[in-house]
Amino acid sequence: MIFFFIIFKIILGTNPFRVVIDENNCSFHGVPDYCHVIEKPMNLTWIREKVNARSYITLKEFHSDATLMIKNALLYNSDPANVYHLAAKEMNRKFKSLFKETLENLQQGKKK
């Protein structure tokens, strides 16, 4: 967790996974080629909106969006030394761990 705070402080104190980047604002965010590289943008803001709207029918749909967001970050920021790449790798590690724990808890709940 401390790693995230350090990385996000380096990138102006923002959480890059929350930033909505789409074809209308790529240039504004300084990434004019983003939508040419990334076919389907995804971010935590959209994921949160879908959770709040109860749009996810299955846990698999939620997992797909989260992994897409991470995959996009790793693809667009392919330099392993890039702070966004490092943040995406750490997000991926943490997400896998939390998702595995969640699945295990759900399975244990079904057994009771």
PDB file of N, CA and C in Angstrom:
ATOM      1  N   MET A   1       0.816  -1.185   0.000  1.00  0.00           N
ATOM      2  CA  MET A   1       0.000   0.000   0.000  1.00  0.00           C
ATOM      3  C   MET A   1       0.865   1.256   0.000  1.00  0.00           C
ATOM      4  N   ILE A   2       1.922   1.243   0.757  1.00  0.00           N
ATOM      5  CA  ILE A   2       2.832   2.393   0.792  1.00  0.00           C
ATOM      6  C   ILE A   2       3.401   2.645  -0.599  1.00  0.00           C
ATOM      7  N   PHE A   3       3.661   1.581  -1.341  1.00  0.00           N
ATOM      8  CA  PHE A   3       4.178   1.708  -2.696  1.00  0.00           C
ATOM      9  C   PHE A   3       3.248   2.577  -3.535  1.00  0.00           C
ATOM     10  N   PHE A   4       1.931   2.350  -3.426  1.00  0.00           N
ATOM     11  CA  PHE A   4       0.967   3.143  -4.189  1.00  0.00           C
ATOM     12  C   PHE A   4       1.053   4.609  -3.828  1.00  0.00           C
ATOM     13  N   PHE A   5       1.136   4.910  -2.541  1.00  0.00           N
ATOM     14  CA  PHE A   5       1.209   6.305  -2.127  1.00  0.00           C
ATOM     15  C   PHE A   5       2.450   6.979  -2.697  1.00  0.00           C
ATOM     16  N   ILE A   6       3.560   6.266  -2.715  1.00  0.00           N
ATOM     17  CA  ILE A   6       4.804   6.824  -3.270  1.00  0.00           C
ATOM     18  C   ILE A   6       4.641   7.059  -4.762  1.00  0.00           C
ATOM     19  N   ILE A   7       4.140   6.053  -5.475  1.00  0.00           N
ATOM     20  CA  ILE A   7       3.969   6.166  -6.929  1.00  0.00           C
ATOM     21  C   ILE A   7       2.996   7.294  -7.259  1.00  0.00           C
ATOM     22  N   PHE A   8       1.857   7.365  -6.580  1.00  0.00           N
ATOM     23  CA  PHE A   8       0.864   8.380  -6.895  1.00  0.00           C
ATOM     24  C   PHE A   8       1.339   9.770  -6.509  1.00  0.00           C
ATOM     25  N   LYS A   9       2.163   9.864  -5.475  1.00  0.00           N
ATOM     26  CA  LYS A   9       2.724  11.164  -5.118  1.00  0.00           C
ATOM     27  C   LYS A   9       3.654  11.642  -6.237  1.00  0.00           C
ATOM     28  N   ILE A  10       4.388  10.715  -6.821  1.00  0.00           N
ATOM     29  CA  ILE A  10       5.291  11.042  -7.922  1.00  0.00           C
ATOM     30  C   ILE A  10       4.494  11.576  -9.114  1.00  0.00           C
ATOM     31  N   ILE A  11       3.327  11.019  -9.342  1.00  0.00           N
ATOM     32  CA  ILE A  11       2.522  11.431 -10.501  1.00  0.00           C
ATOM     33  C   ILE A  11       1.428  12.404 -10.058  1.00  0.00           C
ATOM     34  N   LEU A  12       1.864  13.427  -9.373  1.00  0.00           N
ATOM     35  CA  LEU A  12       1.036  14.572  -8.994  1.00  0.00           C
ATOM     36  C   LEU A  12      -0.090  14.249  -8.020  1.00  0.00           C
ATOM     37  N   GLY A  13       0.104  13.229  -7.206  1.00  0.00           N
ATOM     38  CA  GLY A  13      -0.861  12.929  -6.162  1.00  0.00           C
ATOM     39  C   GLY A  13      -2.198  12.402  -6.643  1.00  0.00           C
ATOM     40  N   THR A  14      -2.266  11.955  -7.869  1.00  0.00           N
ATOM     41  CA  THR A  14      -3.529  11.424  -8.384  1.00  0.00           C
ATOM     42  C   THR A  14      -3.475   9.908  -8.467  1.00  0.00           C
ATOM     43  N   ASN A  15      -4.618   9.298  -8.494  1.00  0.00           N
ATOM     44  CA  ASN A  15      -4.701   7.866  -8.734  1.00  0.00           C
ATOM     45  C   ASN A  15      -4.991   7.707 -10.224  1.00  0.00           C
ATOM     46  N   PRO A  16      -4.010   7.289 -11.005  1.00  0.00           N
ATOM     47  CA  PRO A  16      -4.209   7.218 -12.458  1.00  0.00           C
ATOM     48  C   PRO A  16      -5.270   6.210 -12.877  1.00  0.00           C
ATOM     49  N   PHE A  17      -5.594   5.271 -12.017  1.00  0.00           N
ATOM     50  CA  PHE A  17      -6.598   4.273 -12.362  1.00  0.00           C
ATOM     51  C   PHE A  17      -8.017   4.834 -12.286  1.00  0.00           C
ATOM     52  N   ARG A  18      -8.166   6.002 -11.669  1.00  0.00           N
ATOM     53  CA  ARG A  18      -9.486   6.640 -11.584  1.00  0.00           C
ATOM     54  C   ARG A  18      -9.748   7.583 -12.758  1.00  0.00           C
ATOM     55  N   VAL A  19      -8.712   7.993 -13.449  1.00  0.00           N
ATOM     56  CA  VAL A  19      -8.840   8.978 -14.518  1.00  0.00           C
ATOM     57  C   VAL A  19      -9.570   8.371 -15.719  1.00  0.00           C
ATOM     58  N   VAL A  20     -10.605   9.062 -16.157  1.00  0.00           N
ATOM     59  CA  VAL A  20     -11.356   8.635 -17.336  1.00  0.00           C
ATOM     60  C   VAL A  20     -10.661   9.201 -18.565  1.00  0.00           C
ATOM     61  N   ILE A  21     -10.161   8.310 -19.406  1.00  0.00           N
ATOM     62  CA  ILE A  21      -9.549   8.720 -20.671  1.00  0.00           C
ATOM     63  C   ILE A  21     -10.357   8.067 -21.780  1.00  0.00           C
ATOM     64  N   ASP A  22     -10.911   8.902 -22.639  1.00  0.00           N
ATOM     65  CA  ASP A  22     -11.664   8.393 -23.780  1.00  0.00           C
ATOM     66  C   ASP A  22     -11.300   9.196 -25.016  1.00  0.00           C
ATOM     67  N   GLU A  23     -11.926   8.885 -26.119  1.00  0.00           N
ATOM     68  CA  GLU A  23     -11.556   9.544 -27.379  1.00  0.00           C
ATOM     69  C   GLU A  23     -11.803  11.047 -27.357  1.00  0.00           C
ATOM     70  N   ASN A  24     -12.640  11.524 -26.452  1.00  0.00           N
ATOM     71  CA  ASN A  24     -12.930  12.956 -26.366  1.00  0.00           C
ATOM     72  C   ASN A  24     -11.891  13.749 -25.584  1.00  0.00           C
ATOM     73  N   ASN A  25     -11.110  13.079 -24.732  1.00  0.00           N
ATOM     74  CA  ASN A  25     -10.193  13.833 -23.878  1.00  0.00           C
ATOM     75  C   ASN A  25      -8.753  13.327 -23.867  1.00  0.00           C
ATOM     76  N   CYS A  26      -8.391  12.468 -24.792  1.00  0.00           N
ATOM     77  CA  CYS A  26      -7.018  11.934 -24.850  1.00  0.00           C
ATOM     78  C   CYS A  26      -5.977  13.048 -24.900  1.00  0.00           C
ATOM     79  N   SER A  27      -6.165  13.979 -25.782  1.00  0.00           N
ATOM     80  CA  SER A  27      -5.200  15.073 -25.936  1.00  0.00           C
ATOM     81  C   SER A  27      -5.115  15.920 -24.679  1.00  0.00           C
ATOM     82  N   PHE A  28      -6.258  16.192 -24.050  1.00  0.00           N
ATOM     83  CA  PHE A  28      -6.292  16.981 -22.823  1.00  0.00           C
ATOM     84  C   PHE A  28      -5.423  16.348 -21.739  1.00  0.00           C
ATOM     85  N   HIS A  29      -5.413  15.030 -21.683  1.00  0.00           N
ATOM     86  CA  HIS A  29      -4.627  14.305 -20.679  1.00  0.00           C
ATOM     87  C   HIS A  29      -3.182  14.062 -21.120  1.00  0.00           C
ATOM     88  N   GLY A  30      -2.817  14.586 -22.274  1.00  0.00           N
ATOM     89  CA  GLY A  30      -1.439  14.459 -22.735  1.00  0.00           C
ATOM     90  C   GLY A  30      -1.099  13.121 -23.353  1.00  0.00           C
ATOM     91  N   VAL A  31      -2.122  12.372 -23.753  1.00  0.00           N
ATOM     92  CA  VAL A  31      -1.908  11.067 -24.377  1.00  0.00           C
ATOM     93  C   VAL A  31      -2.742  10.969 -25.656  1.00  0.00           C
ATOM     94  N   PRO A  32      -2.407  11.785 -26.663  1.00  0.00           N
ATOM     95  CA  PRO A  32      -3.238  11.857 -27.864  1.00  0.00           C
ATOM     96  C   PRO A  32      -3.387  10.535 -28.622  1.00  0.00           C
ATOM     97  N   ASP A  33      -2.442   9.625 -28.450  1.00  0.00           N
ATOM     98  CA  ASP A  33      -2.506   8.348 -29.158  1.00  0.00           C
ATOM     99  C   ASP A  33      -3.155   7.236 -28.332  1.00  0.00           C
ATOM    100  N   TYR A  34      -3.596   7.546 -27.121  1.00  0.00           N
ATOM    101  CA  TYR A  34      -4.119   6.523 -26.209  1.00  0.00           C
ATOM    102  C   TYR A  34      -5.222   5.685 -26.858  1.00  0.00           C
ATOM    103  N   CYS A  35      -6.184   6.328 -27.466  1.00  0.00           N
ATOM    104  CA  CYS A  35      -7.315   5.599 -28.043  1.00  0.00           C
ATOM    105  C   CYS A  35      -6.962   4.874 -29.338  1.00  0.00           C
ATOM    106  N   HIS A  36      -5.795   5.156 -29.879  1.00  0.00           N
ATOM    107  CA  HIS A  36      -5.313   4.392 -31.033  1.00  0.00           C
ATOM    108  C   HIS A  36      -4.602   3.129 -30.576  1.00  0.00           C
ATOM    109  N   VAL A  37      -4.052   3.178 -29.372  1.00  0.00           N
ATOM    110  CA  VAL A  37      -3.332   2.030 -28.810  1.00  0.00           C
ATOM    111  C   VAL A  37      -4.285   1.147 -28.010  1.00  0.00           C
ATOM    112  N   ILE A  38      -5.147   1.750 -27.231  1.00  0.00           N
ATOM    113  CA  ILE A  38      -6.060   1.027 -26.343  1.00  0.00           C
ATOM    114  C   ILE A  38      -7.442   0.948 -26.989  1.00  0.00           C
ATOM    115  N   GLU A  39      -7.867  -0.271 -27.285  1.00  0.00           N
ATOM    116  CA  GLU A  39      -9.139  -0.470 -27.974  1.00  0.00           C
ATOM    117  C   GLU A  39     -10.349  -0.224 -27.072  1.00  0.00           C
ATOM    118  N   LYS A  40     -10.254  -0.652 -25.812  1.00  0.00           N
ATOM    119  CA  LYS A  40     -11.389  -0.518 -24.896  1.00  0.00           C
ATOM    120  C   LYS A  40     -10.884   0.052 -23.565  1.00  0.00           C
ATOM    121  N   PRO A  41     -10.957   1.367 -23.398  1.00  0.00           N
ATOM    122  CA  PRO A  41     -10.506   1.968 -22.140  1.00  0.00           C
ATOM    123  C   PRO A  41     -11.346   1.478 -20.955  1.00  0.00           C
ATOM    124  N   MET A  42     -10.696   1.429 -19.780  1.00  0.00           N
ATOM    125  CA  MET A  42     -11.392   1.064 -18.549  1.00  0.00           C
ATOM    126  C   MET A  42     -10.671   1.753 -17.406  1.00  0.00           C
ATOM    127  N   ASN A  43     -11.397   2.115 -16.363  1.00  0.00           N
ATOM    128  CA  ASN A  43     -10.814   2.801 -15.215  1.00  0.00           C
ATOM    129  C   ASN A  43     -11.661   2.539 -13.974  1.00  0.00           C
ATOM    130  N   LEU A  44     -11.117   2.890 -12.812  1.00  0.00           N
ATOM    131  CA  LEU A  44     -11.828   2.654 -11.560  1.00  0.00           C
ATOM    132  C   LEU A  44     -13.107   3.475 -11.443  1.00  0.00           C
ATOM    133  N   THR A  45     -13.147   4.628 -12.062  1.00  0.00           N
ATOM    134  CA  THR A  45     -14.358   5.446 -12.024  1.00  0.00           C
ATOM    135  C   THR A  45     -15.520   4.704 -12.684  1.00  0.00           C
ATOM    136  N   TRP A  46     -15.272   4.150 -13.856  1.00  0.00           N
ATOM    137  CA  TRP A  46     -16.328   3.407 -14.554  1.00  0.00           C
ATOM    138  C   TRP A  46     -16.694   2.140 -13.788  1.00  0.00           C
ATOM    139  N   ILE A  47     -15.676   1.466 -13.234  1.00  0.00           N
ATOM    140  CA  ILE A  47     -15.950   0.248 -12.463  1.00  0.00           C
ATOM    141  C   ILE A  47     -16.819   0.589 -11.252  1.00  0.00           C
ATOM    142  N   ARG A  48     -16.480   1.660 -10.540  1.00  0.00           N
ATOM    143  CA  ARG A  48     -17.275   2.073  -9.375  1.00  0.00           C
ATOM    144  C   ARG A  48     -18.710   2.404  -9.796  1.00  0.00           C
ATOM    145  N   GLU A  49     -18.865   3.103 -10.913  1.00  0.00           N
ATOM    146  CA  GLU A  49     -20.209   3.432 -11.397  1.00  0.00           C
ATOM    147  C   GLU A  49     -21.009   2.165 -11.683  1.00  0.00           C
ATOM    148  N   LYS A  50     -20.354   1.180 -12.284  1.00  0.00           N
ATOM    149  CA  LYS A  50     -21.042  -0.074 -12.585  1.00  0.00           C
ATOM    150  C   LYS A  50     -21.395  -0.840 -11.310  1.00  0.00           C
ATOM    151  N   VAL A  51     -20.517  -0.807 -10.324  1.00  0.00           N
ATOM    152  CA  VAL A  51     -20.816  -1.451  -9.040  1.00  0.00           C
ATOM    153  C   VAL A  51     -22.014  -0.755  -8.390  1.00  0.00           C
ATOM    154  N   ASN A  52     -21.962   0.570  -8.323  1.00  0.00           N
ATOM    155  CA  ASN A  52     -23.054   1.328  -7.693  1.00  0.00           C
ATOM    156  C   ASN A  52     -24.386   1.143  -8.411  1.00  0.00           C
ATOM    157  N   ALA A  53     -24.335   0.985  -9.720  1.00  0.00           N
ATOM    158  CA  ALA A  53     -25.558   0.782 -10.512  1.00  0.00           C
ATOM    159  C   ALA A  53     -25.980  -0.692 -10.540  1.00  0.00           C
ATOM    160  N   ARG A  54     -25.185  -1.528  -9.893  1.00  0.00           N
ATOM    161  CA  ARG A  54     -25.445  -2.978  -9.868  1.00  0.00           C
ATOM    162  C   ARG A  54     -25.516  -3.557 -11.282  1.00  0.00           C
ATOM    163  N   SER A  55     -24.618  -3.064 -12.131  1.00  0.00           N
ATOM    164  CA  SER A  55     -24.575  -3.496 -13.523  1.00  0.00           C
ATOM    165  C   SER A  55     -23.877  -4.840 -13.707  1.00  0.00           C
ATOM    166  N   TYR A  56     -23.024  -5.199 -12.772  1.00  0.00           N
ATOM    167  CA  TYR A  56     -22.338  -6.486 -12.883  1.00  0.00           C
ATOM    168  C   TYR A  56     -23.288  -7.597 -12.455  1.00  0.00           C
ATOM    169  N   ILE A  57     -23.487  -8.549 -13.338  1.00  0.00           N
ATOM    170  CA  ILE A  57     -24.338  -9.695 -13.034  1.00  0.00           C
ATOM    171  C   ILE A  57     -23.510 -10.785 -12.354  1.00  0.00           C
ATOM    172  N   THR A  58     -22.260 -10.910 -12.785  1.00  0.00           N
ATOM    173  CA  THR A  58     -21.387 -11.939 -12.228  1.00  0.00           C
ATOM    174  C   THR A  58     -20.075 -11.321 -11.742  1.00  0.00           C
ATOM    175  N   LEU A  59     -19.415 -12.039 -10.878  1.00  0.00           N
ATOM    176  CA  LEU A  59     -18.102 -11.623 -10.403  1.00  0.00           C
ATOM    177  C   LEU A  59     -17.095 -11.655 -11.557  1.00  0.00           C
ATOM    178  N   LYS A  60     -17.328 -12.544 -12.500  1.00  0.00           N
ATOM    179  CA  LYS A  60     -16.459 -12.643 -13.673  1.00  0.00           C
ATOM    180  C   LYS A  60     -16.467 -11.340 -14.482  1.00  0.00           C
ATOM    181  N   GLU A  61     -17.610 -10.684 -14.597  1.00  0.00           N
ATOM    182  CA  GLU A  61     -17.694  -9.412 -15.324  1.00  0.00           C
ATOM    183  C   GLU A  61     -16.861  -8.339 -14.630  1.00  0.00           C
ATOM    184  N   PHE A  62     -16.955  -8.293 -13.311  1.00  0.00           N
ATOM    185  CA  PHE A  62     -16.157  -7.347 -12.531  1.00  0.00           C
ATOM    186  C   PHE A  62     -14.669  -7.641 -12.737  1.00  0.00           C
ATOM    187  N   HIS A  63     -14.300  -8.906 -12.642  1.00  0.00           N
ATOM    188  CA  HIS A  63     -12.910  -9.316 -12.822  1.00  0.00           C
ATOM    189  C   HIS A  63     -12.404  -8.922 -14.203  1.00  0.00           C
ATOM    190  N   SER A  64     -13.227  -9.100 -15.213  1.00  0.00           N
ATOM    191  CA  SER A  64     -12.832  -8.757 -16.585  1.00  0.00           C
ATOM    192  C   SER A  64     -12.529  -7.272 -16.729  1.00  0.00           C
ATOM    193  N   ASP A  65     -13.362  -6.425 -16.146  1.00  0.00           N
ATOM    194  CA  ASP A  65     -13.121  -4.982 -16.231  1.00  0.00           C
ATOM    195  C   ASP A  65     -11.849  -4.581 -15.482  1.00  0.00           C
ATOM    196  N   ALA A  66     -11.657  -5.132 -14.300  1.00  0.00           N
ATOM    197  CA  ALA A  66     -10.464  -4.793 -13.516  1.00  0.00           C
ATOM    198  C   ALA A  66      -9.192  -5.255 -14.229  1.00  0.00           C
ATOM    199  N   THR A  67      -9.206  -6.454 -14.766  1.00  0.00           N
ATOM    200  CA  THR A  67      -8.015  -6.945 -15.458  1.00  0.00           C
ATOM    201  C   THR A  67      -7.788  -6.190 -16.771  1.00  0.00           C
ATOM    202  N   LEU A  68      -8.871  -5.769 -17.421  1.00  0.00           N
ATOM    203  CA  LEU A  68      -8.733  -4.952 -18.627  1.00  0.00           C
ATOM    204  C   LEU A  68      -8.054  -3.629 -18.296  1.00  0.00           C
ATOM    205  N   MET A  69      -8.459  -3.003 -17.216  1.00  0.00           N
ATOM    206  CA  MET A  69      -7.862  -1.738 -16.801  1.00  0.00           C
ATOM    207  C   MET A  69      -6.352  -1.902 -16.587  1.00  0.00           C
ATOM    208  N   ILE A  70      -5.969  -2.961 -15.910  1.00  0.00           N
ATOM    209  CA  ILE A  70      -4.554  -3.211 -15.635  1.00  0.00           C
ATOM    210  C   ILE A  70      -3.809  -3.544 -16.921  1.00  0.00           C
ATOM    211  N   LYS A  71      -4.404  -4.387 -17.753  1.00  0.00           N
ATOM    212  CA  LYS A  71      -3.789  -4.758 -19.038  1.00  0.00           C
ATOM    213  C   LYS A  71      -3.562  -3.519 -19.899  1.00  0.00           C
ATOM    214  N   ASN A  72      -4.549  -2.633 -19.945  1.00  0.00           N
ATOM    215  CA  ASN A  72      -4.413  -1.400 -20.718  1.00  0.00           C
ATOM    216  C   ASN A  72      -3.255  -0.549 -20.207  1.00  0.00           C
ATOM    217  N   ALA A  73      -3.160  -0.416 -18.890  1.00  0.00           N
ATOM    218  CA  ALA A  73      -2.083   0.398 -18.305  1.00  0.00           C
ATOM    219  C   ALA A  73      -0.717  -0.185 -18.632  1.00  0.00           C
ATOM    220  N   LEU A  74      -0.596  -1.499 -18.569  1.00  0.00           N
ATOM    221  CA  LEU A  74       0.677  -2.144 -18.880  1.00  0.00           C
ATOM    222  C   LEU A  74       1.015  -2.020 -20.370  1.00  0.00           C
ATOM    223  N   LEU A  75       0.011  -2.127 -21.213  1.00  0.00           N
ATOM    224  CA  LEU A  75       0.238  -2.016 -22.657  1.00  0.00           C
ATOM    225  C   LEU A  75       0.645  -0.598 -23.044  1.00  0.00           C
ATOM    226  N   TYR A  76      -0.110   0.383 -22.593  1.00  0.00           N
ATOM    227  CA  TYR A  76       0.176   1.758 -22.995  1.00  0.00           C
ATOM    228  C   TYR A  76       1.477   2.272 -22.377  1.00  0.00           C
ATOM    229  N   ASN A  77       1.757   1.860 -21.181  1.00  0.00           N
ATOM    230  CA  ASN A  77       2.975   2.279 -20.469  1.00  0.00           C
ATOM    231  C   ASN A  77       3.944   1.099 -20.416  1.00  0.00           C
ATOM    232  N   SER A  78       4.410   0.683 -21.569  1.00  0.00           N
ATOM    233  CA  SER A  78       5.162  -0.565 -21.677  1.00  0.00           C
ATOM    234  C   SER A  78       6.579  -0.518 -21.119  1.00  0.00           C
ATOM    235  N   ASP A  79       7.141   0.664 -20.932  1.00  0.00           N
ATOM    236  CA  ASP A  79       8.478   0.779 -20.362  1.00  0.00           C
ATOM    237  C   ASP A  79       8.435   0.333 -18.900  1.00  0.00           C
ATOM    238  N   PRO A  80       9.170  -0.720 -18.537  1.00  0.00           N
ATOM    239  CA  PRO A  80       9.145  -1.233 -17.164  1.00  0.00           C
ATOM    240  C   PRO A  80       9.555  -0.210 -16.102  1.00  0.00           C
ATOM    241  N   ALA A  81      10.233   0.855 -16.479  1.00  0.00           N
ATOM    242  CA  ALA A  81      10.645   1.881 -15.520  1.00  0.00           C
ATOM    243  C   ALA A  81       9.610   2.998 -15.379  1.00  0.00           C
ATOM    244  N   ASN A  82       8.599   3.010 -16.238  1.00  0.00           N
ATOM    245  CA  ASN A  82       7.553   4.028 -16.208  1.00  0.00           C
ATOM    246  C   ASN A  82       6.741   3.899 -14.915  1.00  0.00           C
ATOM    247  N   VAL A  83       6.472   5.027 -14.241  1.00  0.00           N
ATOM    248  CA  VAL A  83       5.755   4.970 -12.962  1.00  0.00           C
ATOM    249  C   VAL A  83       4.348   4.390 -13.121  1.00  0.00           C
ATOM    250  N   TYR A  84       3.687   4.627 -14.247  1.00  0.00           N
ATOM    251  CA  TYR A  84       2.366   4.064 -14.470  1.00  0.00           C
ATOM    252  C   TYR A  84       2.453   2.544 -14.652  1.00  0.00           C
ATOM    253  N   HIS A  85       3.495   2.097 -15.328  1.00  0.00           N
ATOM    254  CA  HIS A  85       3.731   0.661 -15.495  1.00  0.00           C
ATOM    255  C   HIS A  85       3.961   0.007 -14.133  1.00  0.00           C
ATOM    256  N   LEU A  86       4.794   0.634 -13.317  1.00  0.00           N
ATOM    257  CA  LEU A  86       5.075   0.113 -11.978  1.00  0.00           C
ATOM    258  C   LEU A  86       3.798   0.073 -11.136  1.00  0.00           C
ATOM    259  N   ALA A  87       3.005   1.123 -11.217  1.00  0.00           N
ATOM    260  CA  ALA A  87       1.753   1.162 -10.464  1.00  0.00           C
ATOM    261  C   ALA A  87       0.798   0.069 -10.951  1.00  0.00           C
ATOM    262  N   ALA A  88       0.740  -0.157 -12.250  1.00  0.00           N
ATOM    263  CA  ALA A  88      -0.138  -1.199 -12.807  1.00  0.00           C
ATOM    264  C   ALA A  88       0.320  -2.584 -12.361  1.00  0.00           C
ATOM    265  N   LYS A  89       1.621  -2.809 -12.328  1.00  0.00           N
ATOM    266  CA  LYS A  89       2.128  -4.103 -11.860  1.00  0.00           C
ATOM    267  C   LYS A  89       1.757  -4.336 -10.399  1.00  0.00           C
ATOM    268  N   GLU A  90       1.897  -3.303  -9.587  1.00  0.00           N
ATOM    269  CA  GLU A  90       1.545  -3.428  -8.179  1.00  0.00           C
ATOM    270  C   GLU A  90       0.033  -3.602  -8.022  1.00  0.00           C
ATOM    271  N   MET A  91      -0.745  -2.873  -8.798  1.00  0.00           N
ATOM    272  CA  MET A  91      -2.199  -3.024  -8.772  1.00  0.00           C
ATOM    273  C   MET A  91      -2.581  -4.449  -9.156  1.00  0.00           C
ATOM    274  N   ASN A  92      -1.937  -4.997 -10.154  1.00  0.00           N
ATOM    275  CA  ASN A  92      -2.203  -6.359 -10.601  1.00  0.00           C
ATOM    276  C   ASN A  92      -1.908  -7.360  -9.485  1.00  0.00           C
ATOM    277  N   ARG A  93      -0.774  -7.199  -8.839  1.00  0.00           N
ATOM    278  CA  ARG A  93      -0.390  -8.099  -7.744  1.00  0.00           C
ATOM    279  C   ARG A  93      -1.419  -8.038  -6.620  1.00  0.00           C
ATOM    280  N   LYS A  94      -1.775  -6.843  -6.225  1.00  0.00           N
ATOM    281  CA  LYS A  94      -2.730  -6.654  -5.131  1.00  0.00           C
ATOM    282  C   LYS A  94      -4.115  -7.153  -5.517  1.00  0.00           C
ATOM    283  N   PHE A  95      -4.550  -6.857  -6.739  1.00  0.00           N
ATOM    284  CA  PHE A  95      -5.874  -7.289  -7.188  1.00  0.00           C
ATOM    285  C   PHE A  95      -5.975  -8.810  -7.198  1.00  0.00           C
ATOM    286  N   LYS A  96      -4.956  -9.481  -7.732  1.00  0.00           N
ATOM    287  CA  LYS A  96      -4.977 -10.947  -7.770  1.00  0.00           C
ATOM    288  C   LYS A  96      -5.105 -11.529  -6.376  1.00  0.00           C
ATOM    289  N   SER A  97      -4.361 -10.977  -5.442  1.00  0.00           N
ATOM    290  CA  SER A  97      -4.394 -11.455  -4.071  1.00  0.00           C
ATOM    291  C   SER A  97      -5.775 -11.241  -3.434  1.00  0.00           C
ATOM    292  N   LEU A  98      -6.313 -10.044  -3.564  1.00  0.00           N
ATOM    293  CA  LEU A  98      -7.620  -9.745  -2.983  1.00  0.00           C
ATOM    294  C   LEU A  98      -8.747 -10.533  -3.654  1.00  0.00           C
ATOM    295  N   PHE A  99      -8.647 -10.712  -4.963  1.00  0.00           N
ATOM    296  CA  PHE A  99      -9.679 -11.450  -5.671  1.00  0.00           C
ATOM    297  C   PHE A  99      -9.660 -12.918  -5.257  1.00  0.00           C
ATOM    298  N   LYS A 100      -8.475 -13.471  -5.124  1.00  0.00           N
ATOM    299  CA  LYS A 100      -8.344 -14.864  -4.680  1.00  0.00           C
ATOM    300  C   LYS A 100      -8.931 -15.031  -3.282  1.00  0.00           C
ATOM    301  N   GLU A 101      -8.613 -14.099  -2.398  1.00  0.00           N
ATOM    302  CA  GLU A 101      -9.141 -14.135  -1.033  1.00  0.00           C
ATOM    303  C   GLU A 101     -10.670 -14.027  -1.037  1.00  0.00           C
ATOM    304  N   THR A 102     -11.206 -13.178  -1.880  1.00  0.00           N
ATOM    305  CA  THR A 102     -12.651 -13.014  -1.976  1.00  0.00           C
ATOM    306  C   THR A 102     -13.318 -14.297  -2.445  1.00  0.00           C
ATOM    307  N   LEU A 103     -12.753 -14.930  -3.465  1.00  0.00           N
ATOM    308  CA  LEU A 103     -13.307 -16.190  -3.964  1.00  0.00           C
ATOM    309  C   LEU A 103     -13.272 -17.269  -2.886  1.00  0.00           C
ATOM    310  N   GLU A 104     -12.167 -17.344  -2.159  1.00  0.00           N
ATOM    311  CA  GLU A 104     -12.051 -18.331  -1.090  1.00  0.00           C
ATOM    312  C   GLU A 104     -13.095 -18.091  -0.003  1.00  0.00           C
ATOM    313  N   ASN A 105     -13.303 -16.831   0.358  1.00  0.00           N
ATOM    314  CA  ASN A 105     -14.313 -16.499   1.364  1.00  0.00           C
ATOM    315  C   ASN A 105     -15.722 -16.855   0.881  1.00  0.00           C
ATOM    316  N   LEU A 106     -15.992 -16.599  -0.376  1.00  0.00           N
ATOM    317  CA  LEU A 106     -17.304 -16.946  -0.933  1.00  0.00           C
ATOM    318  C   LEU A 106     -17.520 -18.453  -0.938  1.00  0.00           C
ATOM    319  N   GLN A 107     -16.479 -19.196  -1.294  1.00  0.00           N
ATOM    320  CA  GLN A 107     -16.582 -20.652  -1.315  1.00  0.00           C
ATOM    321  C   GLN A 107     -16.777 -21.220   0.085  1.00  0.00           C
ATOM    322  N   GLN A 108     -16.081 -20.649   1.065  1.00  0.00           N
ATOM    323  CA  GLN A 108     -16.253 -21.100   2.442  1.00  0.00           C
ATOM    324  C   GLN A 108     -17.656 -20.797   2.933  1.00  0.00           C
ATOM    325  N   GLY A 109     -18.195 -19.659   2.535  1.00  0.00           N
ATOM    326  CA  GLY A 109     -19.553 -19.291   2.923  1.00  0.00           C
ATOM    327  C   GLY A 109     -20.583 -20.251   2.377  1.00  0.00           C
ATOM    328  N   LYS A 110     -20.346 -20.761   1.176  1.00  0.00           N
ATOM    329  CA  LYS A 110     -21.284 -21.718   0.561  1.00  0.00           C
ATOM    330  C   LYS A 110     -21.245 -23.070   1.275  1.00  0.00           C
ATOM    331  N   LYS A 111     -20.076 -23.419   1.834  1.00  0.00           N
ATOM    332  CA  LYS A 111     -19.918 -24.714   2.500  1.00  0.00           C
ATOM    333  C   LYS A 111     -20.618 -24.751   3.853  1.00  0.00           C
ATOM    334  N   LYS A 112     -20.854 -23.589   4.445  1.00  0.00           N
ATOM    335  CA  LYS A 112     -21.471 -23.541   5.776  1.00  0.00           C
ATOM    336  C   LYS A 112     -22.951 -23.784   5.733  1.00  0.00           C
TER     337      LYS A 112
END
